[in-house]
Amino acid sequence: MQRDELVHMLNQVAAYYAAYPEAEAIEGVRSHLLRFWNPAMRNQLAALRTDPRLSLLAHRAILQLAPPAP
């Protein structure tokens, strides 16, 4: 899937959870990605960590799945 599409979809998921308390919102996005995104899509998350188009919530959620390398 194209990077632009992934960023757009991830921001949409994050927008849905934006009204939740922060910890619940992060977990909601993370959980959604695990349940509904296929492995190929999830494998691309690490590359999105530095994308400036991601919302803060989306960024925090993908750090839970694809933490930065030490």
PDB file of N, CA and C in Angstrom:
ATOM      1  N   MET A   1       0.850  -1.174   0.000  1.00  0.00           N
ATOM      2  CA  MET A   1       0.000   0.000   0.000  1.00  0.00           C
ATOM      3  C   MET A   1       0.896   1.237   0.000  1.00  0.00           C
ATOM      4  N   GLN A   2       0.441   2.275  -0.640  1.00  0.00           N
ATOM      5  CA  GLN A   2       1.203   3.510  -0.731  1.00  0.00           C
ATOM      6  C   GLN A   2       1.300   4.198   0.629  1.00  0.00           C
ATOM      7  N   ARG A   3       2.429   4.820   0.873  1.00  0.00           N
ATOM      8  CA  ARG A   3       2.676   5.518   2.135  1.00  0.00           C
ATOM      9  C   ARG A   3       1.601   6.576   2.405  1.00  0.00           C
ATOM     10  N   ASP A   4       1.232   7.344   1.379  1.00  0.00           N
ATOM     11  CA  ASP A   4       0.209   8.385   1.554  1.00  0.00           C
ATOM     12  C   ASP A   4      -1.106   7.793   2.047  1.00  0.00           C
ATOM     13  N   GLU A   5      -1.471   6.644   1.495  1.00  0.00           N
ATOM     14  CA  GLU A   5      -2.713   5.989   1.904  1.00  0.00           C
ATOM     15  C   GLU A   5      -2.638   5.525   3.360  1.00  0.00           C
ATOM     16  N   LEU A   6      -1.507   4.960   3.742  1.00  0.00           N
ATOM     17  CA  LEU A   6      -1.351   4.497   5.116  1.00  0.00           C
ATOM     18  C   LEU A   6      -1.428   5.655   6.104  1.00  0.00           C
ATOM     19  N   VAL A   7      -0.762   6.752   5.787  1.00  0.00           N
ATOM     20  CA  VAL A   7      -0.802   7.927   6.662  1.00  0.00           C
ATOM     21  C   VAL A   7      -2.235   8.427   6.797  1.00  0.00           C
ATOM     22  N   HIS A   8      -2.928   8.516   5.683  1.00  0.00           N
ATOM     23  CA  HIS A   8      -4.316   8.991   5.703  1.00  0.00           C
ATOM     24  C   HIS A   8      -5.191   8.067   6.557  1.00  0.00           C
ATOM     25  N   MET A   9      -5.080   6.763   6.334  1.00  0.00           N
ATOM     26  CA  MET A   9      -5.892   5.803   7.085  1.00  0.00           C
ATOM     27  C   MET A   9      -5.555   5.834   8.568  1.00  0.00           C
ATOM     28  N   LEU A  10      -4.286   5.912   8.883  1.00  0.00           N
ATOM     29  CA  LEU A  10      -3.881   5.944  10.285  1.00  0.00           C
ATOM     30  C   LEU A  10      -4.393   7.194  10.984  1.00  0.00           C
ATOM     31  N   ASN A  11      -4.324   8.322  10.303  1.00  0.00           N
ATOM     32  CA  ASN A  11      -4.858   9.562  10.884  1.00  0.00           C
ATOM     33  C   ASN A  11      -6.376   9.492  11.057  1.00  0.00           C
ATOM     34  N   GLN A  12      -7.062   8.803  10.160  1.00  0.00           N
ATOM     35  CA  GLN A  12      -8.511   8.640  10.315  1.00  0.00           C
ATOM     36  C   GLN A  12      -8.844   7.811  11.552  1.00  0.00           C
ATOM     37  N   VAL A  13      -8.102   6.735  11.745  1.00  0.00           N
ATOM     38  CA  VAL A  13      -8.311   5.901  12.936  1.00  0.00           C
ATOM     39  C   VAL A  13      -8.045   6.734  14.185  1.00  0.00           C
ATOM     40  N   ALA A  14      -6.954   7.472  14.180  1.00  0.00           N
ATOM     41  CA  ALA A  14      -6.605   8.303  15.336  1.00  0.00           C
ATOM     42  C   ALA A  14      -7.672   9.369  15.590  1.00  0.00           C
ATOM     43  N   ALA A  15      -8.225   9.949  14.539  1.00  0.00           N
ATOM     44  CA  ALA A  15      -9.260  10.970  14.697  1.00  0.00           C
ATOM     45  C   ALA A  15     -10.495  10.386  15.392  1.00  0.00           C
ATOM     46  N   TYR A  16     -10.811   9.135  15.081  1.00  0.00           N
ATOM     47  CA  TYR A  16     -11.950   8.487  15.731  1.00  0.00           C
ATOM     48  C   TYR A  16     -11.740   8.409  17.247  1.00  0.00           C
ATOM     49  N   TYR A  17     -10.530   8.081  17.654  1.00  0.00           N
ATOM     50  CA  TYR A  17     -10.233   7.898  19.080  1.00  0.00           C
ATOM     51  C   TYR A  17      -9.807   9.178  19.783  1.00  0.00           C
ATOM     52  N   ALA A  18      -9.711  10.270  19.086  1.00  0.00           N
ATOM     53  CA  ALA A  18      -9.178  11.519  19.655  1.00  0.00           C
ATOM     54  C   ALA A  18      -9.963  12.034  20.862  1.00  0.00           C
ATOM     55  N   ALA A  19     -11.247  11.734  20.943  1.00  0.00           N
ATOM     56  CA  ALA A  19     -12.068  12.237  22.051  1.00  0.00           C
ATOM     57  C   ALA A  19     -11.903  11.406  23.330  1.00  0.00           C
ATOM     58  N   TYR A  20     -11.259  10.246  23.213  1.00  0.00           N
ATOM     59  CA  TYR A  20     -11.057   9.383  24.376  1.00  0.00           C
ATOM     60  C   TYR A  20      -9.929   9.950  25.240  1.00  0.00           C
ATOM     61  N   PRO A  21      -9.878   9.566  26.517  1.00  0.00           N
ATOM     62  CA  PRO A  21      -8.714   9.925  27.321  1.00  0.00           C
ATOM     63  C   PRO A  21      -7.441   9.385  26.643  1.00  0.00           C
ATOM     64  N   GLU A  22      -6.325  10.072  26.837  1.00  0.00           N
ATOM     65  CA  GLU A  22      -5.120   9.770  26.058  1.00  0.00           C
ATOM     66  C   GLU A  22      -4.712   8.295  26.069  1.00  0.00           C
ATOM     67  N   ALA A  23      -4.622   7.692  27.227  1.00  0.00           N
ATOM     68  CA  ALA A  23      -4.186   6.298  27.304  1.00  0.00           C
ATOM     69  C   ALA A  23      -5.157   5.373  26.568  1.00  0.00           C
ATOM     70  N   GLU A  24      -6.450   5.615  26.714  1.00  0.00           N
ATOM     71  CA  GLU A  24      -7.451   4.806  26.009  1.00  0.00           C
ATOM     72  C   GLU A  24      -7.374   5.034  24.506  1.00  0.00           C
ATOM     73  N   ALA A  25      -7.121   6.265  24.101  1.00  0.00           N
ATOM     74  CA  ALA A  25      -7.028   6.585  22.674  1.00  0.00           C
ATOM     75  C   ALA A  25      -5.840   5.866  22.040  1.00  0.00           C
ATOM     76  N   ILE A  26      -4.703   5.924  22.701  1.00  0.00           N
ATOM     77  CA  ILE A  26      -3.514   5.242  22.178  1.00  0.00           C
ATOM     78  C   ILE A  26      -3.777   3.747  22.071  1.00  0.00           C
ATOM     79  N   GLU A  27      -4.350   3.173  23.115  1.00  0.00           N
ATOM     80  CA  GLU A  27      -4.655   1.743  23.096  1.00  0.00           C
ATOM     81  C   GLU A  27      -5.704   1.419  22.028  1.00  0.00           C
ATOM     82  N   GLY A  28      -6.669   2.292  21.834  1.00  0.00           N
ATOM     83  CA  GLY A  28      -7.685   2.069  20.804  1.00  0.00           C
ATOM     84  C   GLY A  28      -7.083   2.023  19.414  1.00  0.00           C
ATOM     85  N   VAL A  29      -6.204   2.957  19.115  1.00  0.00           N
ATOM     86  CA  VAL A  29      -5.551   2.968  17.799  1.00  0.00           C
ATOM     87  C   VAL A  29      -4.666   1.737  17.654  1.00  0.00           C
ATOM     88  N   ARG A  30      -3.871   1.456  18.672  1.00  0.00           N
ATOM     89  CA  ARG A  30      -2.984   0.294  18.633  1.00  0.00           C
ATOM     90  C   ARG A  30      -3.771  -0.998  18.414  1.00  0.00           C
ATOM     91  N   SER A  31      -4.838  -1.138  19.161  1.00  0.00           N
ATOM     92  CA  SER A  31      -5.684  -2.321  19.052  1.00  0.00           C
ATOM     93  C   SER A  31      -6.312  -2.431  17.659  1.00  0.00           C
ATOM     94  N   HIS A  32      -6.768  -1.311  17.130  1.00  0.00           N
ATOM     95  CA  HIS A  32      -7.357  -1.304  15.790  1.00  0.00           C
ATOM     96  C   HIS A  32      -6.341  -1.793  14.757  1.00  0.00           C
ATOM     97  N   LEU A  33      -5.127  -1.296  14.855  1.00  0.00           N
ATOM     98  CA  LEU A  33      -4.091  -1.694  13.901  1.00  0.00           C
ATOM     99  C   LEU A  33      -3.818  -3.192  13.974  1.00  0.00           C
ATOM    100  N   LEU A  34      -3.806  -3.726  15.174  1.00  0.00           N
ATOM    101  CA  LEU A  34      -3.553  -5.165  15.334  1.00  0.00           C
ATOM    102  C   LEU A  34      -4.709  -6.009  14.809  1.00  0.00           C
ATOM    103  N   ARG A  35      -5.925  -5.524  14.999  1.00  0.00           N
ATOM    104  CA  ARG A  35      -7.095  -6.307  14.590  1.00  0.00           C
ATOM    105  C   ARG A  35      -7.416  -6.201  13.106  1.00  0.00           C
ATOM    106  N   PHE A  36      -7.257  -5.008  12.541  1.00  0.00           N
ATOM    107  CA  PHE A  36      -7.786  -4.783  11.200  1.00  0.00           C
ATOM    108  C   PHE A  36      -6.750  -4.529  10.115  1.00  0.00           C
ATOM    109  N   TRP A  37      -5.532  -4.214  10.470  1.00  0.00           N
ATOM    110  CA  TRP A  37      -4.505  -4.006   9.455  1.00  0.00           C
ATOM    111  C   TRP A  37      -3.778  -5.325   9.246  1.00  0.00           C
ATOM    112  N   ASN A  38      -3.572  -5.685   7.986  1.00  0.00           N
ATOM    113  CA  ASN A  38      -2.882  -6.936   7.714  1.00  0.00           C
ATOM    114  C   ASN A  38      -1.397  -6.797   8.037  1.00  0.00           C
ATOM    115  N   PRO A  39      -0.693  -7.913   8.161  1.00  0.00           N
ATOM    116  CA  PRO A  39       0.724  -7.869   8.535  1.00  0.00           C
ATOM    117  C   PRO A  39       1.582  -7.006   7.603  1.00  0.00           C
ATOM    118  N   ALA A  40       1.296  -7.019   6.325  1.00  0.00           N
ATOM    119  CA  ALA A  40       2.079  -6.200   5.390  1.00  0.00           C
ATOM    120  C   ALA A  40       1.923  -4.715   5.706  1.00  0.00           C
ATOM    121  N   MET A  41       0.712  -4.308   6.045  1.00  0.00           N
ATOM    122  CA  MET A  41       0.478  -2.909   6.404  1.00  0.00           C
ATOM    123  C   MET A  41       1.175  -2.569   7.716  1.00  0.00           C
ATOM    124  N   ARG A  42       1.068  -3.458   8.699  1.00  0.00           N
ATOM    125  CA  ARG A  42       1.708  -3.207   9.991  1.00  0.00           C
ATOM    126  C   ARG A  42       3.226  -3.167   9.867  1.00  0.00           C
ATOM    127  N   ASN A  43       3.776  -3.942   8.950  1.00  0.00           N
ATOM    128  CA  ASN A  43       5.224  -3.930   8.750  1.00  0.00           C
ATOM    129  C   ASN A  43       5.722  -2.575   8.254  1.00  0.00           C
ATOM    130  N   GLN A  44       4.860  -1.792   7.661  1.00  0.00           N
ATOM    131  CA  GLN A  44       5.248  -0.478   7.160  1.00  0.00           C
ATOM    132  C   GLN A  44       5.173   0.616   8.223  1.00  0.00           C
ATOM    133  N   LEU A  45       4.663   0.285   9.394  1.00  0.00           N
ATOM    134  CA  LEU A  45       4.493   1.294  10.442  1.00  0.00           C
ATOM    135  C   LEU A  45       5.814   1.889  10.914  1.00  0.00           C
ATOM    136  N   ALA A  46       6.848   1.072  11.001  1.00  0.00           N
ATOM    137  CA  ALA A  46       8.136   1.585  11.475  1.00  0.00           C
ATOM    138  C   ALA A  46       8.629   2.720  10.582  1.00  0.00           C
ATOM    139  N   ALA A  47       8.389   2.615   9.301  1.00  0.00           N
ATOM    140  CA  ALA A  47       8.820   3.658   8.367  1.00  0.00           C
ATOM    141  C   ALA A  47       7.994   4.933   8.522  1.00  0.00           C
ATOM    142  N   LEU A  48       6.824   4.833   9.113  1.00  0.00           N
ATOM    143  CA  LEU A  48       5.957   6.001   9.268  1.00  0.00           C
ATOM    144  C   LEU A  48       6.259   6.794  10.539  1.00  0.00           C
ATOM    145  N   ARG A  49       7.071   6.234  11.435  1.00  0.00           N
ATOM    146  CA  ARG A  49       7.342   6.897  12.718  1.00  0.00           C
ATOM    147  C   ARG A  49       7.766   8.351  12.575  1.00  0.00           C
ATOM    148  N   THR A  50       8.517   8.652  11.549  1.00  0.00           N
ATOM    149  CA  THR A  50       9.052  10.007  11.387  1.00  0.00           C
ATOM    150  C   THR A  50       8.255  10.853  10.403  1.00  0.00           C
ATOM    151  N   ASP A  51       7.135  10.353   9.938  1.00  0.00           N
ATOM    152  CA  ASP A  51       6.343  11.108   8.959  1.00  0.00           C
ATOM    153  C   ASP A  51       5.653  12.289   9.646  1.00  0.00           C
ATOM    154  N   PRO A  52       5.955  13.516   9.231  1.00  0.00           N
ATOM    155  CA  PRO A  52       5.382  14.690   9.895  1.00  0.00           C
ATOM    156  C   PRO A  52       3.877  14.861   9.681  1.00  0.00           C
ATOM    157  N   ARG A  53       3.301  14.101   8.771  1.00  0.00           N
ATOM    158  CA  ARG A  53       1.858  14.216   8.513  1.00  0.00           C
ATOM    159  C   ARG A  53       1.023  13.455   9.529  1.00  0.00           C
ATOM    160  N   LEU A  54       1.650  12.602  10.329  1.00  0.00           N
ATOM    161  CA  LEU A  54       0.897  11.844  11.327  1.00  0.00           C
ATOM    162  C   LEU A  54       0.437  12.731  12.466  1.00  0.00           C
ATOM    163  N   SER A  55      -0.756  12.477  12.922  1.00  0.00           N
ATOM    164  CA  SER A  55      -1.227  13.175  14.119  1.00  0.00           C
ATOM    165  C   SER A  55      -0.405  12.680  15.302  1.00  0.00           C
ATOM    166  N   LEU A  56      -0.389  13.455  16.368  1.00  0.00           N
ATOM    167  CA  LEU A  56       0.358  13.076  17.560  1.00  0.00           C
ATOM    168  C   LEU A  56      -0.156  11.756  18.130  1.00  0.00           C
ATOM    169  N   LEU A  57      -1.454  11.582  18.132  1.00  0.00           N
ATOM    170  CA  LEU A  57      -2.044  10.343  18.632  1.00  0.00           C
ATOM    171  C   LEU A  57      -1.613   9.154  17.773  1.00  0.00           C
ATOM    172  N   ALA A  58      -1.655   9.299  16.466  1.00  0.00           N
ATOM    173  CA  ALA A  58      -1.228   8.217  15.573  1.00  0.00           C
ATOM    174  C   ALA A  58       0.233   7.875  15.822  1.00  0.00           C
ATOM    175  N   HIS A  59       1.047   8.892  15.973  1.00  0.00           N
ATOM    176  CA  HIS A  59       2.466   8.678  16.229  1.00  0.00           C
ATOM    177  C   HIS A  59       2.672   7.913  17.534  1.00  0.00           C
ATOM    178  N   ARG A  60       2.013   8.315  18.581  1.00  0.00           N
ATOM    179  CA  ARG A  60       2.166   7.642  19.872  1.00  0.00           C
ATOM    180  C   ARG A  60       1.705   6.191  19.801  1.00  0.00           C
ATOM    181  N   ALA A  61       0.649   5.942  19.058  1.00  0.00           N
ATOM    182  CA  ALA A  61       0.131   4.573  18.946  1.00  0.00           C
ATOM    183  C   ALA A  61       1.096   3.675  18.176  1.00  0.00           C
ATOM    184  N   ILE A  62       1.674   4.173  17.096  1.00  0.00           N
ATOM    185  CA  ILE A  62       2.570   3.294  16.345  1.00  0.00           C
ATOM    186  C   ILE A  62       3.882   3.081  17.086  1.00  0.00           C
ATOM    187  N   LEU A  63       4.254   3.989  17.966  1.00  0.00           N
ATOM    188  CA  LEU A  63       5.444   3.743  18.778  1.00  0.00           C
ATOM    189  C   LEU A  63       5.236   2.546  19.699  1.00  0.00           C
ATOM    190  N   GLN A  64       3.979   2.275  20.042  1.00  0.00           N
ATOM    191  CA  GLN A  64       3.664   1.094  20.861  1.00  0.00           C
ATOM    192  C   GLN A  64       3.881  -0.190  20.068  1.00  0.00           C
ATOM    193  N   LEU A  65       3.698  -0.121  18.751  1.00  0.00           N
ATOM    194  CA  LEU A  65       3.835  -1.297  17.902  1.00  0.00           C
ATOM    195  C   LEU A  65       5.206  -1.404  17.254  1.00  0.00           C
ATOM    196  N   ALA A  66       5.798  -0.266  16.948  1.00  0.00           N
ATOM    197  CA  ALA A  66       7.077  -0.247  16.248  1.00  0.00           C
ATOM    198  C   ALA A  66       7.995   0.743  16.945  1.00  0.00           C
ATOM    199  N   PRO A  67       8.495   0.364  18.121  1.00  0.00           N
ATOM    200  CA  PRO A  67       9.340   1.314  18.861  1.00  0.00           C
ATOM    201  C   PRO A  67      10.616   1.650  18.094  1.00  0.00           C
ATOM    202  N   PRO A  68      11.171   2.820  18.345  1.00  0.00           N
ATOM    203  CA  PRO A  68      12.412   3.203  17.669  1.00  0.00           C
ATOM    204  C   PRO A  68      13.543   2.234  18.029  1.00  0.00           C
ATOM    205  N   ALA A  69      14.432   2.039  17.104  1.00  0.00           N
ATOM    206  CA  ALA A  69      15.588   1.180  17.367  1.00  0.00           C
ATOM    207  C   ALA A  69      16.486   1.847  18.404  1.00  0.00           C
ATOM    208  N   PRO A  70      17.122   1.062  19.267  1.00  0.00           N
ATOM    209  CA  PRO A  70      17.988   1.653  20.310  1.00  0.00           C
ATOM    210  C   PRO A  70      19.216   2.336  19.740  1.00  0.00           C
TER     211      PRO A  70
END
